[in-house]
């Protein structure tokens, strides 16, 4: 029983770390996207060269 509980705790912590790391990556990707969007909206493009 002791071996089973240690293994269960290990896998639970491992799964928690994977989920937490995935959320951190998603947050940093959104920050980079927000920064690029802010840059794009602040650029002056009088000749409409920078189109999506």
PDB file of N, CA and C in Angstrom:
ATOM      1  N   UNK A   1       0.822  -1.195   0.000  1.00  0.00           N
ATOM      2  CA  UNK A   1       0.000   0.000   0.000  1.00  0.00           C
ATOM      3  C   UNK A   1       0.864   1.256   0.000  1.00  0.00           C
ATOM      4  N   UNK A   2       1.966   1.226   0.719  1.00  0.00           N
ATOM      5  CA  UNK A   2       2.842   2.393   0.803  1.00  0.00           C
ATOM      6  C   UNK A   2       3.437   2.703  -0.571  1.00  0.00           C
ATOM      7  N   UNK A   3       3.818   1.681  -1.307  1.00  0.00           N
ATOM      8  CA  UNK A   3       4.393   1.871  -2.644  1.00  0.00           C
ATOM      9  C   UNK A   3       3.355   2.490  -3.578  1.00  0.00           C
ATOM     10  N   UNK A   4       2.120   2.045  -3.500  1.00  0.00           N
ATOM     11  CA  UNK A   4       1.055   2.555  -4.353  1.00  0.00           C
ATOM     12  C   UNK A   4       0.791   4.026  -4.074  1.00  0.00           C
ATOM     13  N   UNK A   5       0.798   4.432  -2.847  1.00  0.00           N
ATOM     14  CA  UNK A   5       0.510   5.825  -2.524  1.00  0.00           C
ATOM     15  C   UNK A   5       1.646   6.744  -2.957  1.00  0.00           C
ATOM     16  N   UNK A   6       2.902   6.312  -2.872  1.00  0.00           N
ATOM     17  CA  UNK A   6       4.023   7.130  -3.336  1.00  0.00           C
ATOM     18  C   UNK A   6       3.963   7.312  -4.852  1.00  0.00           C
ATOM     19  N   UNK A   7       3.629   6.259  -5.553  1.00  0.00           N
ATOM     20  CA  UNK A   7       3.520   6.342  -7.009  1.00  0.00           C
ATOM     21  C   UNK A   7       2.372   7.257  -7.407  1.00  0.00           C
ATOM     22  N   UNK A   8       1.266   7.141  -6.723  1.00  0.00           N
ATOM     23  CA  UNK A   8       0.113   7.989  -7.020  1.00  0.00           C
ATOM     24  C   UNK A   8       0.434   9.456  -6.769  1.00  0.00           C
ATOM     25  N   UNK A   9       1.102   9.741  -5.670  1.00  0.00           N
ATOM     26  CA  UNK A   9       1.481  11.123  -5.366  1.00  0.00           C
ATOM     27  C   UNK A   9       2.450  11.658  -6.408  1.00  0.00           C
ATOM     28  N   UNK A  10       3.412  10.839  -6.826  1.00  0.00           N
ATOM     29  CA  UNK A  10       4.382  11.252  -7.833  1.00  0.00           C
ATOM     30  C   UNK A  10       3.690  11.608  -9.148  1.00  0.00           C
ATOM     31  N   UNK A  11       2.812  10.735  -9.616  1.00  0.00           N
ATOM     32  CA  UNK A  11       2.129  11.002 -10.882  1.00  0.00           C
ATOM     33  C   UNK A  11       1.168  12.177 -10.784  1.00  0.00           C
ATOM     34  N   UNK A  12       0.555  12.365  -9.635  1.00  0.00           N
ATOM     35  CA  UNK A  12      -0.329  13.513  -9.448  1.00  0.00           C
ATOM     36  C   UNK A  12       0.461  14.814  -9.506  1.00  0.00           C
ATOM     37  N   UNK A  13       1.607  14.859  -8.847  1.00  0.00           N
ATOM     38  CA  UNK A  13       2.455  16.057  -8.886  1.00  0.00           C
ATOM     39  C   UNK A  13       2.984  16.300 -10.289  1.00  0.00           C
ATOM     40  N   UNK A  14       3.367  15.243 -10.985  1.00  0.00           N
ATOM     41  CA  UNK A  14       3.881  15.362 -12.353  1.00  0.00           C
ATOM     42  C   UNK A  14       2.809  15.933 -13.278  1.00  0.00           C
ATOM     43  N   UNK A  15       1.589  15.441 -13.152  1.00  0.00           N
ATOM     44  CA  UNK A  15       0.494  15.931 -13.968  1.00  0.00           C
ATOM     45  C   UNK A  15       0.192  17.396 -13.647  1.00  0.00           C
ATOM     46  N   UNK A  16       0.221  17.754 -12.379  1.00  0.00           N
ATOM     47  CA  UNK A  16       0.005  19.139 -11.973  1.00  0.00           C
ATOM     48  C   UNK A  16       1.068  20.058 -12.570  1.00  0.00           C
ATOM     49  N   UNK A  17       2.329  19.646 -12.550  1.00  0.00           N
ATOM     50  CA  UNK A  17       3.409  20.466 -13.109  1.00  0.00           C
ATOM     51  C   UNK A  17       3.255  20.646 -14.619  1.00  0.00           C
ATOM     52  N   UNK A  18       2.836  19.606 -15.307  1.00  0.00           N
ATOM     53  CA  UNK A  18       2.626  19.717 -16.755  1.00  0.00           C
ATOM     54  C   UNK A  18       1.506  20.710 -17.052  1.00  0.00           C
ATOM     55  N   UNK A  19       0.419  20.628 -16.316  1.00  0.00           N
ATOM     56  CA  UNK A  19      -0.702  21.550 -16.535  1.00  0.00           C
ATOM     57  C   UNK A  19      -0.294  22.982 -16.201  1.00  0.00           C
ATOM     58  N   UNK A  20       0.427  23.168 -15.103  1.00  0.00           N
ATOM     59  CA  UNK A  20       0.870  24.512 -14.714  1.00  0.00           C
ATOM     60  C   UNK A  20       1.825  25.091 -15.761  1.00  0.00           C
ATOM     61  N   UNK A  21       2.739  24.282 -16.271  1.00  0.00           N
ATOM     62  CA  UNK A  21       3.684  24.751 -17.286  1.00  0.00           C
ATOM     63  C   UNK A  21       2.965  25.104 -18.580  1.00  0.00           C
ATOM     64  N   UNK A  22       1.971  24.327 -18.952  1.00  0.00           N
ATOM     65  CA  UNK A  22       1.212  24.616 -20.168  1.00  0.00           C
ATOM     66  C   UNK A  22       0.468  25.942 -20.036  1.00  0.00           C
ATOM     67  N   UNK A  23      -0.063  26.217 -18.866  1.00  0.00           N
ATOM     68  CA  UNK A  23      -0.759  27.498 -18.644  1.00  0.00           C
ATOM     69  C   UNK A  23       0.213  28.662 -18.712  1.00  0.00           C
ATOM     70  N   UNK A  24       1.416  28.487 -18.177  1.00  0.00           N
ATOM     71  CA  UNK A  24       2.414  29.549 -18.235  1.00  0.00           C
ATOM     72  C   UNK A  24       2.813  29.848 -19.676  1.00  0.00           C
ATOM     73  N   UNK A  25       2.944  28.818 -20.481  1.00  0.00           N
ATOM     74  CA  UNK A  25       3.289  29.032 -21.888  1.00  0.00           C
ATOM     75  C   UNK A  25       2.171  29.769 -22.610  1.00  0.00           C
ATOM     76  N   UNK A  26       0.939  29.433 -22.307  1.00  0.00           N
ATOM     77  CA  UNK A  26      -0.190  30.091 -22.939  1.00  0.00           C
ATOM     78  C   UNK A  26      -0.240  31.566 -22.556  1.00  0.00           C
ATOM     79  N   UNK A  27       0.064  31.887 -21.327  1.00  0.00           N
ATOM     80  CA  UNK A  27       0.056  33.272 -20.859  1.00  0.00           C
ATOM     81  C   UNK A  27       1.157  34.069 -21.547  1.00  0.00           C
ATOM     82  N   UNK A  28       2.347  33.490 -21.682  1.00  0.00           N
ATOM     83  CA  UNK A  28       3.443  34.226 -22.325  1.00  0.00           C
ATOM     84  C   UNK A  28       3.162  34.413 -23.811  1.00  0.00           C
ATOM     85  N   UNK A  29       2.506  33.450 -24.438  1.00  0.00           N
ATOM     86  CA  UNK A  29       2.169  33.597 -25.854  1.00  0.00           C
ATOM     87  C   UNK A  29       1.161  34.719 -26.042  1.00  0.00           C
ATOM     88  N   UNK A  30       0.201  34.862 -25.138  1.00  0.00           N
ATOM     89  CA  UNK A  30      -0.776  35.935 -25.232  1.00  0.00           C
ATOM     90  C   UNK A  30      -0.117  37.291 -25.022  1.00  0.00           C
ATOM     91  N   UNK A  31       0.861  37.370 -24.137  1.00  0.00           N
ATOM     92  CA  UNK A  31       1.557  38.632 -23.891  1.00  0.00           C
ATOM     93  C   UNK A  31       2.319  39.062 -25.139  1.00  0.00           C
ATOM     94  N   UNK A  32       2.959  38.106 -25.801  1.00  0.00           N
ATOM     95  CA  UNK A  32       3.686  38.429 -27.028  1.00  0.00           C
ATOM     96  C   UNK A  32       2.720  38.852 -28.131  1.00  0.00           C
ATOM     97  N   UNK A  33       1.590  38.177 -28.219  1.00  0.00           N
ATOM     98  CA  UNK A  33       0.588  38.541 -29.217  1.00  0.00           C
ATOM     99  C   UNK A  33       0.017  39.916 -28.963  1.00  0.00           C
ATOM    100  N   UNK A  34      -0.218  40.226 -27.697  1.00  0.00           N
ATOM    101  CA  UNK A  34      -0.722  41.557 -27.349  1.00  0.00           C
ATOM    102  C   UNK A  34       0.289  42.638 -27.698  1.00  0.00           C
ATOM    103  N   UNK A  35       1.562  42.361 -27.460  1.00  0.00           N
ATOM    104  CA  UNK A  35       2.607  43.339 -27.784  1.00  0.00           C
ATOM    105  C   UNK A  35       2.693  43.559 -29.290  1.00  0.00           C
ATOM    106  N   UNK A  36       2.596  42.488 -30.059  1.00  0.00           N
ATOM    107  CA  UNK A  36       2.637  42.631 -31.525  1.00  0.00           C
ATOM    108  C   UNK A  36       1.409  43.366 -32.041  1.00  0.00           C
ATOM    109  N   UNK A  37       0.265  43.098 -31.457  1.00  0.00           N
ATOM    110  CA  UNK A  37      -0.949  43.782 -31.868  1.00  0.00           C
ATOM    111  C   UNK A  37      -0.872  45.270 -31.550  1.00  0.00           C
ATOM    112  N   UNK A  38      -0.326  45.612 -30.383  1.00  0.00           N
ATOM    113  CA  UNK A  38      -0.172  47.015 -30.013  1.00  0.00           C
ATOM    114  C   UNK A  38       0.795  47.715 -30.972  1.00  0.00           C
ATOM    115  N   UNK A  39       1.861  47.046 -31.342  1.00  0.00           N
ATOM    116  CA  UNK A  39       2.811  47.624 -32.292  1.00  0.00           C
ATOM    117  C   UNK A  39       2.152  47.851 -33.650  1.00  0.00           C
ATOM    118  N   UNK A  40       1.392  46.859 -34.103  1.00  0.00           N
ATOM    119  CA  UNK A  40       0.731  46.970 -35.411  1.00  0.00           C
ATOM    120  C   UNK A  40      -0.271  48.123 -35.436  1.00  0.00           C
ATOM    121  N   UNK A  41      -1.023  48.285 -34.361  1.00  0.00           N
ATOM    122  CA  UNK A  41      -2.032  49.335 -34.357  1.00  0.00           C
ATOM    123  C   UNK A  41      -1.422  50.724 -34.218  1.00  0.00           C
ATOM    124  N   UNK A  42      -0.205  50.811 -33.680  1.00  0.00           N
ATOM    125  CA  UNK A  42       0.433  52.107 -33.501  1.00  0.00           C
ATOM    126  C   UNK A  42       1.305  52.526 -34.680  1.00  0.00           C
ATOM    127  N   UNK A  43       1.487  51.638 -35.643  1.00  0.00           N
ATOM    128  CA  UNK A  43       2.295  51.995 -36.809  1.00  0.00           C
ATOM    129  C   UNK A  43       1.490  52.905 -37.747  1.00  0.00           C
ATOM    130  N   UNK A  44       2.161  53.892 -38.296  1.00  0.00           N
ATOM    131  CA  UNK A  44       1.517  54.765 -39.288  1.00  0.00           C
ATOM    132  C   UNK A  44       1.779  54.173 -40.669  1.00  0.00           C
ATOM    133  N   UNK A  45       0.716  53.928 -41.430  1.00  0.00           N
ATOM    134  CA  UNK A  45       0.834  53.320 -42.758  1.00  0.00           C
ATOM    135  C   UNK A  45       0.009  54.135 -43.759  1.00  0.00           C
ATOM    136  N   UNK A  46       0.545  55.264 -44.214  1.00  0.00           N
ATOM    137  CA  UNK A  46      -0.240  56.126 -45.097  1.00  0.00           C
ATOM    138  C   UNK A  46      -0.516  55.510 -46.488  1.00  0.00           C
ATOM    139  N   UNK A  47       0.326  54.631 -46.970  1.00  0.00           N
ATOM    140  CA  UNK A  47       0.159  54.041 -48.300  1.00  0.00           C
ATOM    141  C   UNK A  47      -0.479  52.670 -48.263  1.00  0.00           C
ATOM    142  N   UNK A  48      -0.933  52.214 -47.122  1.00  0.00           N
ATOM    143  CA  UNK A  48      -1.543  50.885 -46.941  1.00  0.00           C
ATOM    144  C   UNK A  48      -0.652  49.747 -47.413  1.00  0.00           C
ATOM    145  N   UNK A  49       0.620  49.837 -47.089  1.00  0.00           N
ATOM    146  CA  UNK A  49       1.565  48.797 -47.461  1.00  0.00           C
ATOM    147  C   UNK A  49       1.475  47.620 -46.478  1.00  0.00           C
ATOM    148  N   UNK A  50       1.233  47.928 -45.211  1.00  0.00           N
ATOM    149  CA  UNK A  50       1.193  46.899 -44.174  1.00  0.00           C
ATOM    150  C   UNK A  50      -0.245  46.414 -43.980  1.00  0.00           C
ATOM    151  N   UNK A  51      -0.680  45.526 -44.841  1.00  0.00           N
ATOM    152  CA  UNK A  51      -2.027  44.987 -44.731  1.00  0.00           C
ATOM    153  C   UNK A  51      -1.949  43.552 -44.257  1.00  0.00           C
ATOM    154  N   UNK A  52      -3.031  43.114 -43.579  1.00  0.00           N
ATOM    155  CA  UNK A  52      -3.097  41.726 -43.120  1.00  0.00           C
ATOM    156  C   UNK A  52      -3.595  40.834 -44.216  1.00  0.00           C
TER     157      UNK A  52
END
